[in-house]
Amino acid sequence: GGSIYQKVNSNLETAVSLAWTAGSN
């Protein structure tokens, strides 16, 4: 798994999340 978080400015926050399991596409 992995995630990225960014506080763009004082009002906006964004995030991206990824996950996968070995042996699965």
mmCIF file of all heavy atoms, coordinates in Angstrom:
data_MODEL
# 
_entry.id   MODEL 
# 
loop_
_atom_site.group_PDB 
_atom_site.id 
_atom_site.type_symbol 
_atom_site.label_atom_id 
_atom_site.label_alt_id 
_atom_site.label_comp_id 
_atom_site.label_asym_id 
_atom_site.label_entity_id 
_atom_site.label_seq_id 
_atom_site.pdbx_PDB_ins_code 
_atom_site.Cartn_x 
_atom_site.Cartn_y 
_atom_site.Cartn_z 
_atom_site.occupancy 
_atom_site.B_iso_or_equiv 
_atom_site.pdbx_formal_charge 
_atom_site.auth_seq_id 
_atom_site.auth_comp_id 
_atom_site.auth_asym_id 
_atom_site.auth_atom_id 
_atom_site.pdbx_PDB_model_num 
ATOM 1   N N   . GLY A 1 1  ? 0.821  -1.205  0.000   1.00 0.00 ? 1  GLY A N   1 
ATOM 2   C CA  . GLY A 1 1  ? 0.000  0.000   0.000   1.00 0.00 ? 1  GLY A CA  1 
ATOM 3   C C   . GLY A 1 1  ? 0.851  1.249   0.000   1.00 0.00 ? 1  GLY A C   1 
ATOM 4   O O   . GLY A 1 1  ? 2.043  1.224   0.316   1.00 0.00 ? 1  GLY A O   1 
ATOM 5   N N   . GLY A 1 2  ? 0.227  2.341   -0.362  1.00 0.00 ? 2  GLY A N   1 
ATOM 6   C CA  . GLY A 1 2  ? 0.920  3.626   -0.365  1.00 0.00 ? 2  GLY A CA  1 
ATOM 7   C C   . GLY A 1 2  ? -0.074 4.761   -0.401  1.00 0.00 ? 2  GLY A C   1 
ATOM 8   O O   . GLY A 1 2  ? -1.232 4.589   -0.810  1.00 0.00 ? 2  GLY A O   1 
ATOM 9   N N   . SER A 1 3  ? 0.341  5.919   0.054   1.00 0.00 ? 3  SER A N   1 
ATOM 10  C CA  . SER A 1 3  ? -0.526 7.091   0.029   1.00 0.00 ? 3  SER A CA  1 
ATOM 11  C C   . SER A 1 3  ? 0.315  8.357   -0.089  1.00 0.00 ? 3  SER A C   1 
ATOM 12  O O   . SER A 1 3  ? 1.483  8.389   0.327   1.00 0.00 ? 3  SER A O   1 
ATOM 13  C CB  . SER A 1 3  ? -1.398 7.164   1.289   1.00 0.00 ? 3  SER A CB  1 
ATOM 14  O OG  . SER A 1 3  ? -0.599 7.355   2.445   1.00 0.00 ? 3  SER A OG  1 
ATOM 15  N N   . ILE A 1 4  ? -0.295 9.363   -0.694  1.00 0.00 ? 4  ILE A N   1 
ATOM 16  C CA  . ILE A 1 4  ? 0.325  10.684  -0.817  1.00 0.00 ? 4  ILE A CA  1 
ATOM 17  C C   . ILE A 1 4  ? -0.675 11.714  -0.296  1.00 0.00 ? 4  ILE A C   1 
ATOM 18  O O   . ILE A 1 4  ? -1.856 11.681  -0.658  1.00 0.00 ? 4  ILE A O   1 
ATOM 19  C CB  . ILE A 1 4  ? 0.683  11.008  -2.277  1.00 0.00 ? 4  ILE A CB  1 
ATOM 20  C CG1 . ILE A 1 4  ? 1.689  9.988   -2.814  1.00 0.00 ? 4  ILE A CG1 1 
ATOM 21  C CG2 . ILE A 1 4  ? 1.249  12.420  -2.393  1.00 0.00 ? 4  ILE A CG2 1 
ATOM 22  C CD1 . ILE A 1 4  ? 1.987  10.164  -4.300  1.00 0.00 ? 4  ILE A CD1 1 
ATOM 23  N N   . TYR A 1 5  ? -0.204 12.586  0.564   1.00 0.00 ? 5  TYR A N   1 
ATOM 24  C CA  . TYR A 1 5  ? -1.035 13.660  1.108   1.00 0.00 ? 5  TYR A CA  1 
ATOM 25  C C   . TYR A 1 5  ? -0.384 14.993  0.805   1.00 0.00 ? 5  TYR A C   1 
ATOM 26  O O   . TYR A 1 5  ? 0.837  15.139  0.932   1.00 0.00 ? 5  TYR A O   1 
ATOM 27  C CB  . TYR A 1 5  ? -1.189 13.499  2.618   1.00 0.00 ? 5  TYR A CB  1 
ATOM 28  C CG  . TYR A 1 5  ? -1.740 14.724  3.317   1.00 0.00 ? 5  TYR A CG  1 
ATOM 29  C CD1 . TYR A 1 5  ? -3.108 14.948  3.407   1.00 0.00 ? 5  TYR A CD1 1 
ATOM 30  C CD2 . TYR A 1 5  ? -0.878 15.671  3.879   1.00 0.00 ? 5  TYR A CD2 1 
ATOM 31  C CE1 . TYR A 1 5  ? -3.613 16.076  4.037   1.00 0.00 ? 5  TYR A CE1 1 
ATOM 32  C CE2 . TYR A 1 5  ? -1.363 16.798  4.520   1.00 0.00 ? 5  TYR A CE2 1 
ATOM 33  C CZ  . TYR A 1 5  ? -2.730 16.995  4.591   1.00 0.00 ? 5  TYR A CZ  1 
ATOM 34  O OH  . TYR A 1 5  ? -3.215 18.125  5.223   1.00 0.00 ? 5  TYR A OH  1 
ATOM 35  N N   . GLN A 1 6  ? -1.195 15.958  0.399   1.00 0.00 ? 6  GLN A N   1 
ATOM 36  C CA  . GLN A 1 6  ? -0.674 17.301  0.149   1.00 0.00 ? 6  GLN A CA  1 
ATOM 37  C C   . GLN A 1 6  ? -1.664 18.349  0.622   1.00 0.00 ? 6  GLN A C   1 
ATOM 38  O O   . GLN A 1 6  ? -2.868 18.261  0.329   1.00 0.00 ? 6  GLN A O   1 
ATOM 39  C CB  . GLN A 1 6  ? -0.396 17.518  -1.341  1.00 0.00 ? 6  GLN A CB  1 
ATOM 40  C CG  . GLN A 1 6  ? 0.218  18.887  -1.629  1.00 0.00 ? 6  GLN A CG  1 
ATOM 41  C CD  . GLN A 1 6  ? 0.544  19.093  -3.092  1.00 0.00 ? 6  GLN A CD  1 
ATOM 42  O OE1 . GLN A 1 6  ? 0.139  18.316  -3.936  1.00 0.00 ? 6  GLN A OE1 1 
ATOM 43  N NE2 . GLN A 1 6  ? 1.285  20.142  -3.389  1.00 0.00 ? 6  GLN A NE2 1 
ATOM 44  N N   . LYS A 1 7  ? -1.166 19.311  1.359   1.00 0.00 ? 7  LYS A N   1 
ATOM 45  C CA  . LYS A 1 7  ? -1.967 20.464  1.754   1.00 0.00 ? 7  LYS A CA  1 
ATOM 46  C C   . LYS A 1 7  ? -1.694 21.552  0.723   1.00 0.00 ? 7  LYS A C   1 
ATOM 47  O O   . LYS A 1 7  ? -0.666 22.237  0.775   1.00 0.00 ? 7  LYS A O   1 
ATOM 48  C CB  . LYS A 1 7  ? -1.588 20.931  3.161   1.00 0.00 ? 7  LYS A CB  1 
ATOM 49  C CG  . LYS A 1 7  ? -2.514 21.994  3.727   1.00 0.00 ? 7  LYS A CG  1 
ATOM 50  C CD  . LYS A 1 7  ? -2.170 22.296  5.168   1.00 0.00 ? 7  LYS A CD  1 
ATOM 51  C CE  . LYS A 1 7  ? -3.107 23.354  5.760   1.00 0.00 ? 7  LYS A CE  1 
ATOM 52  N NZ  . LYS A 1 7  ? -4.499 22.874  5.874   1.00 0.00 ? 7  LYS A NZ  1 
ATOM 53  N N   . VAL A 1 8  ? -2.604 21.683  -0.227  1.00 0.00 ? 8  VAL A N   1 
ATOM 54  C CA  . VAL A 1 8  ? -2.412 22.593  -1.357  1.00 0.00 ? 8  VAL A CA  1 
ATOM 55  C C   . VAL A 1 8  ? -2.359 24.039  -0.881  1.00 0.00 ? 8  VAL A C   1 
ATOM 56  O O   . VAL A 1 8  ? -1.491 24.822  -1.280  1.00 0.00 ? 8  VAL A O   1 
ATOM 57  C CB  . VAL A 1 8  ? -3.522 22.400  -2.397  1.00 0.00 ? 8  VAL A CB  1 
ATOM 58  C CG1 . VAL A 1 8  ? -3.318 23.340  -3.588  1.00 0.00 ? 8  VAL A CG1 1 
ATOM 59  C CG2 . VAL A 1 8  ? -3.557 20.944  -2.878  1.00 0.00 ? 8  VAL A CG2 1 
ATOM 60  N N   . ASN A 1 9  ? -3.302 24.407  -0.028  1.00 0.00 ? 9  ASN A N   1 
ATOM 61  C CA  . ASN A 1 9  ? -3.307 25.734  0.585   1.00 0.00 ? 9  ASN A CA  1 
ATOM 62  C C   . ASN A 1 9  ? -4.049 25.637  1.914   1.00 0.00 ? 9  ASN A C   1 
ATOM 63  O O   . ASN A 1 9  ? -4.357 24.540  2.373   1.00 0.00 ? 9  ASN A O   1 
ATOM 64  C CB  . ASN A 1 9  ? -3.941 26.787  -0.353  1.00 0.00 ? 9  ASN A CB  1 
ATOM 65  C CG  . ASN A 1 9  ? -5.330 26.382  -0.836  1.00 0.00 ? 9  ASN A CG  1 
ATOM 66  O OD1 . ASN A 1 9  ? -6.170 25.968  -0.037  1.00 0.00 ? 9  ASN A OD1 1 
ATOM 67  N ND2 . ASN A 1 9  ? -5.553 26.500  -2.145  1.00 0.00 ? 9  ASN A ND2 1 
ATOM 68  N N   . SER A 1 10 ? -4.340 26.767  2.525   1.00 0.00 ? 10 SER A N   1 
ATOM 69  C CA  . SER A 1 10 ? -4.954 26.748  3.850   1.00 0.00 ? 10 SER A CA  1 
ATOM 70  C C   . SER A 1 10 ? -6.359 26.163  3.840   1.00 0.00 ? 10 SER A C   1 
ATOM 71  O O   . SER A 1 10 ? -6.876 25.765  4.891   1.00 0.00 ? 10 SER A O   1 
ATOM 72  C CB  . SER A 1 10 ? -4.990 28.178  4.421   1.00 0.00 ? 10 SER A CB  1 
ATOM 73  O OG  . SER A 1 10 ? -5.731 29.040  3.564   1.00 0.00 ? 10 SER A OG  1 
ATOM 74  N N   . ASN A 1 11 ? -6.985 26.100  2.656   1.00 0.00 ? 11 ASN A N   1 
ATOM 75  C CA  . ASN A 1 11 ? -8.361 25.601  2.576   1.00 0.00 ? 11 ASN A CA  1 
ATOM 76  C C   . ASN A 1 11 ? -8.487 24.220  1.945   1.00 0.00 ? 11 ASN A C   1 
ATOM 77  O O   . ASN A 1 11 ? -9.490 23.536  2.155   1.00 0.00 ? 11 ASN A O   1 
ATOM 78  C CB  . ASN A 1 11 ? -9.234 26.576  1.773   1.00 0.00 ? 11 ASN A CB  1 
ATOM 79  C CG  . ASN A 1 11 ? -9.378 27.918  2.456   1.00 0.00 ? 11 ASN A CG  1 
ATOM 80  O OD1 . ASN A 1 11 ? -9.447 27.996  3.679   1.00 0.00 ? 11 ASN A OD1 1 
ATOM 81  N ND2 . ASN A 1 11 ? -9.418 28.988  1.675   1.00 0.00 ? 11 ASN A ND2 1 
ATOM 82  N N   . LEU A 1 12 ? -7.508 23.802  1.162   1.00 0.00 ? 12 LEU A N   1 
ATOM 83  C CA  . LEU A 1 12 ? -7.638 22.577  0.375   1.00 0.00 ? 12 LEU A CA  1 
ATOM 84  C C   . LEU A 1 12 ? -6.580 21.543  0.741   1.00 0.00 ? 12 LEU A C   1 
ATOM 85  O O   . LEU A 1 12 ? -5.388 21.837  0.773   1.00 0.00 ? 12 LEU A O   1 
ATOM 86  C CB  . LEU A 1 12 ? -7.537 22.902  -1.122  1.00 0.00 ? 12 LEU A CB  1 
ATOM 87  C CG  . LEU A 1 12 ? -7.639 21.723  -2.086  1.00 0.00 ? 12 LEU A CG  1 
ATOM 88  C CD1 . LEU A 1 12 ? -8.991 21.040  -1.960  1.00 0.00 ? 12 LEU A CD1 1 
ATOM 89  C CD2 . LEU A 1 12 ? -7.396 22.190  -3.519  1.00 0.00 ? 12 LEU A CD2 1 
ATOM 90  N N   . GLU A 1 13 ? -7.050 20.312  1.012   1.00 0.00 ? 13 GLU A N   1 
ATOM 91  C CA  . GLU A 1 13 ? -6.186 19.164  1.272   1.00 0.00 ? 13 GLU A CA  1 
ATOM 92  C C   . GLU A 1 13 ? -6.559 18.045  0.309   1.00 0.00 ? 13 GLU A C   1 
ATOM 93  O O   . GLU A 1 13 ? -7.750 17.807  0.061   1.00 0.00 ? 13 GLU A O   1 
ATOM 94  C CB  . GLU A 1 13 ? -6.349 18.666  2.707   1.00 0.00 ? 13 GLU A CB  1 
ATOM 95  C CG  . GLU A 1 13 ? -6.022 19.691  3.774   1.00 0.00 ? 13 GLU A CG  1 
ATOM 96  C CD  . GLU A 1 13 ? -6.372 19.200  5.163   1.00 0.00 ? 13 GLU A CD  1 
ATOM 97  O OE1 . GLU A 1 13 ? -5.660 18.316  5.682   1.00 0.00 ? 13 GLU A OE1 1 
ATOM 98  O OE2 . GLU A 1 13 ? -7.384 19.675  5.709   1.00 0.00 ? 13 GLU A OE2 1 
ATOM 99  N N   . THR A 1 14 ? -5.568 17.344  -0.235  1.00 0.00 ? 14 THR A N   1 
ATOM 100 C CA  . THR A 1 14 ? -5.825 16.253  -1.163  1.00 0.00 ? 14 THR A CA  1 
ATOM 101 C C   . THR A 1 14 ? -5.028 15.020  -0.760  1.00 0.00 ? 14 THR A C   1 
ATOM 102 O O   . THR A 1 14 ? -4.011 15.115  -0.056  1.00 0.00 ? 14 THR A O   1 
ATOM 103 C CB  . THR A 1 14 ? -5.448 16.642  -2.602  1.00 0.00 ? 14 THR A CB  1 
ATOM 104 O OG1 . THR A 1 14 ? -4.036 16.928  -2.652  1.00 0.00 ? 14 THR A OG1 1 
ATOM 105 C CG2 . THR A 1 14 ? -6.230 17.868  -3.057  1.00 0.00 ? 14 THR A CG2 1 
ATOM 106 N N   . ALA A 1 15 ? -5.484 13.858  -1.212  1.00 0.00 ? 15 ALA A N   1 
ATOM 107 C CA  . ALA A 1 15 ? -4.798 12.609  -0.901  1.00 0.00 ? 15 ALA A CA  1 
ATOM 108 C C   . ALA A 1 15 ? -5.065 11.589  -1.996  1.00 0.00 ? 15 ALA A C   1 
ATOM 109 O O   . ALA A 1 15 ? -6.128 11.584  -2.619  1.00 0.00 ? 15 ALA A O   1 
ATOM 110 C CB  . ALA A 1 15 ? -5.249 12.062  0.446   1.00 0.00 ? 15 ALA A CB  1 
ATOM 111 N N   . VAL A 1 16 ? -4.083 10.720  -2.218  1.00 0.00 ? 16 VAL A N   1 
ATOM 112 C CA  . VAL A 1 16 ? -4.200 9.605   -3.150  1.00 0.00 ? 16 VAL A CA  1 
ATOM 113 C C   . VAL A 1 16 ? -3.784 8.342   -2.408  1.00 0.00 ? 16 VAL A C   1 
ATOM 114 O O   . VAL A 1 16 ? -2.791 8.346   -1.672  1.00 0.00 ? 16 VAL A O   1 
ATOM 115 C CB  . VAL A 1 16 ? -3.311 9.805   -4.398  1.00 0.00 ? 16 VAL A CB  1 
ATOM 116 C CG1 . VAL A 1 16 ? -3.406 8.592   -5.316  1.00 0.00 ? 16 VAL A CG1 1 
ATOM 117 C CG2 . VAL A 1 16 ? -3.694 11.071  -5.135  1.00 0.00 ? 16 VAL A CG2 1 
ATOM 118 N N   . SER A 1 17 ? -4.545 7.263   -2.577  1.00 0.00 ? 17 SER A N   1 
ATOM 119 C CA  . SER A 1 17 ? -4.257 6.001   -1.899  1.00 0.00 ? 17 SER A CA  1 
ATOM 120 C C   . SER A 1 17 ? -4.197 4.871   -2.916  1.00 0.00 ? 17 SER A C   1 
ATOM 121 O O   . SER A 1 17 ? -5.021 4.807   -3.838  1.00 0.00 ? 17 SER A O   1 
ATOM 122 C CB  . SER A 1 17 ? -5.349 5.710   -0.857  1.00 0.00 ? 17 SER A CB  1 
ATOM 123 O OG  . SER A 1 17 ? -5.137 4.456   -0.242  1.00 0.00 ? 17 SER A OG  1 
ATOM 124 N N   . LEU A 1 18 ? -3.203 3.982   -2.752  1.00 0.00 ? 18 LEU A N   1 
ATOM 125 C CA  . LEU A 1 18 ? -3.021 2.824   -3.628  1.00 0.00 ? 18 LEU A CA  1 
ATOM 126 C C   . LEU A 1 18 ? -2.843 1.579   -2.776  1.00 0.00 ? 18 LEU A C   1 
ATOM 127 O O   . LEU A 1 18 ? -2.244 1.637   -1.699  1.00 0.00 ? 18 LEU A O   1 
ATOM 128 C CB  . LEU A 1 18 ? -1.800 2.995   -4.529  1.00 0.00 ? 18 LEU A CB  1 
ATOM 129 C CG  . LEU A 1 18 ? -1.825 4.116   -5.569  1.00 0.00 ? 18 LEU A CG  1 
ATOM 130 C CD1 . LEU A 1 18 ? -0.436 4.297   -6.154  1.00 0.00 ? 18 LEU A CD1 1 
ATOM 131 C CD2 . LEU A 1 18 ? -2.805 3.794   -6.680  1.00 0.00 ? 18 LEU A CD2 1 
ATOM 132 N N   . ALA A 1 19 ? -3.358 0.436   -3.272  1.00 0.00 ? 19 ALA A N   1 
ATOM 133 C CA  . ALA A 1 19 ? -3.181 -0.832  -2.556  1.00 0.00 ? 19 ALA A CA  1 
ATOM 134 C C   . ALA A 1 19 ? -3.323 -1.990  -3.524  1.00 0.00 ? 19 ALA A C   1 
ATOM 135 O O   . ALA A 1 19 ? -4.113 -1.925  -4.467  1.00 0.00 ? 19 ALA A O   1 
ATOM 136 C CB  . ALA A 1 19 ? -4.197 -0.957  -1.424  1.00 0.00 ? 19 ALA A CB  1 
ATOM 137 N N   . TRP A 1 20 ? -2.542 -3.025  -3.319  1.00 0.00 ? 20 TRP A N   1 
ATOM 138 C CA  . TRP A 1 20 ? -2.680 -4.238  -4.124  1.00 0.00 ? 20 TRP A CA  1 
ATOM 139 C C   . TRP A 1 20 ? -2.160 -5.427  -3.328  1.00 0.00 ? 20 TRP A C   1 
ATOM 140 O O   . TRP A 1 20 ? -1.423 -5.293  -2.351  1.00 0.00 ? 20 TRP A O   1 
ATOM 141 C CB  . TRP A 1 20 ? -1.968 -4.097  -5.469  1.00 0.00 ? 20 TRP A CB  1 
ATOM 142 C CG  . TRP A 1 20 ? -0.476 -4.036  -5.407  1.00 0.00 ? 20 TRP A CG  1 
ATOM 143 C CD1 . TRP A 1 20 ? 0.410  -5.068  -5.518  1.00 0.00 ? 20 TRP A CD1 1 
ATOM 144 C CD2 . TRP A 1 20 ? 0.320  -2.852  -5.220  1.00 0.00 ? 20 TRP A CD2 1 
ATOM 145 N NE1 . TRP A 1 20 ? 1.694  -4.597  -5.420  1.00 0.00 ? 20 TRP A NE1 1 
ATOM 146 C CE2 . TRP A 1 20 ? 1.674  -3.253  -5.231  1.00 0.00 ? 20 TRP A CE2 1 
ATOM 147 C CE3 . TRP A 1 20 ? 0.016  -1.490  -5.042  1.00 0.00 ? 20 TRP A CE3 1 
ATOM 148 C CZ2 . TRP A 1 20 ? 2.714  -2.342  -5.073  1.00 0.00 ? 20 TRP A CZ2 1 
ATOM 149 C CZ3 . TRP A 1 20 ? 1.055  -0.596  -4.874  1.00 0.00 ? 20 TRP A CZ3 1 
ATOM 150 C CH2 . TRP A 1 20 ? 2.390  -1.026  -4.893  1.00 0.00 ? 20 TRP A CH2 1 
ATOM 151 N N   . THR A 1 21 ? -2.570 -6.619  -3.776  1.00 0.00 ? 21 THR A N   1 
ATOM 152 C CA  . THR A 1 21 ? -2.206 -7.861  -3.111  1.00 0.00 ? 21 THR A CA  1 
ATOM 153 C C   . THR A 1 21 ? -1.348 -8.711  -4.040  1.00 0.00 ? 21 THR A C   1 
ATOM 154 O O   . THR A 1 21 ? -1.646 -8.817  -5.234  1.00 0.00 ? 21 THR A O   1 
ATOM 155 C CB  . THR A 1 21 ? -3.468 -8.653  -2.707  1.00 0.00 ? 21 THR A CB  1 
ATOM 156 O OG1 . THR A 1 21 ? -4.291 -7.815  -1.884  1.00 0.00 ? 21 THR A OG1 1 
ATOM 157 C CG2 . THR A 1 21 ? -3.101 -9.904  -1.930  1.00 0.00 ? 21 THR A CG2 1 
ATOM 158 N N   . ALA A 1 22 ? -0.294 -9.309  -3.486  1.00 0.00 ? 22 ALA A N   1 
ATOM 159 C CA  . ALA A 1 22 ? 0.580  -10.156 -4.287  1.00 0.00 ? 22 ALA A CA  1 
ATOM 160 C C   . ALA A 1 22 ? -0.222 -11.310 -4.897  1.00 0.00 ? 22 ALA A C   1 
ATOM 161 O O   . ALA A 1 22 ? -1.072 -11.910 -4.236  1.00 0.00 ? 22 ALA A O   1 
ATOM 162 C CB  . ALA A 1 22 ? 1.711  -10.706 -3.425  1.00 0.00 ? 22 ALA A CB  1 
ATOM 163 N N   . GLY A 1 23 ? 0.045  -11.614 -6.163  1.00 0.00 ? 23 GLY A N   1 
ATOM 164 C CA  . GLY A 1 23 ? -0.670 -12.681 -6.843  1.00 0.00 ? 23 GLY A CA  1 
ATOM 165 C C   . GLY A 1 23 ? -1.979 -12.254 -7.453  1.00 0.00 ? 23 GLY A C   1 
ATOM 166 O O   . GLY A 1 23 ? -2.703 -13.065 -8.026  1.00 0.00 ? 23 GLY A O   1 
ATOM 167 N N   . SER A 1 24 ? -2.304 -10.964 -7.341  1.00 0.00 ? 24 SER A N   1 
ATOM 168 C CA  . SER A 1 24 ? -3.541 -10.439 -7.910  1.00 0.00 ? 24 SER A CA  1 
ATOM 169 C C   . SER A 1 24 ? -3.226 -9.232  -8.770  1.00 0.00 ? 24 SER A C   1 
ATOM 170 O O   . SER A 1 24 ? -2.352 -8.426  -8.451  1.00 0.00 ? 24 SER A O   1 
ATOM 171 C CB  . SER A 1 24 ? -4.509 -10.039 -6.793  1.00 0.00 ? 24 SER A CB  1 
ATOM 172 O OG  . SER A 1 24 ? -5.631 -9.358  -7.313  1.00 0.00 ? 24 SER A OG  1 
ATOM 173 N N   . ASN A 1 25 ? -3.946 -9.121  -9.878  1.00 0.00 ? 25 ASN A N   1 
ATOM 174 C CA  . ASN A 1 25 ? -3.757 -7.984  -10.772 1.00 0.00 ? 25 ASN A CA  1 
ATOM 175 C C   . ASN A 1 25 ? -4.683 -6.828  -10.431 1.00 0.00 ? 25 ASN A C   1 
ATOM 176 O O   . ASN A 1 25 ? -4.681 -5.806  -11.117 1.00 0.00 ? 25 ASN A O   1 
ATOM 177 C CB  . ASN A 1 25 ? -3.993 -8.412  -12.228 1.00 0.00 ? 25 ASN A CB  1 
ATOM 178 C CG  . ASN A 1 25 ? -2.947 -9.391  -12.719 1.00 0.00 ? 25 ASN A CG  1 
ATOM 179 O OD1 . ASN A 1 25 ? -1.785 -9.294  -12.339 1.00 0.00 ? 25 ASN A OD1 1 
ATOM 180 N ND2 . ASN A 1 25 ? -3.363 -10.349 -13.548 1.00 0.00 ? 25 ASN A ND2 1 
# 
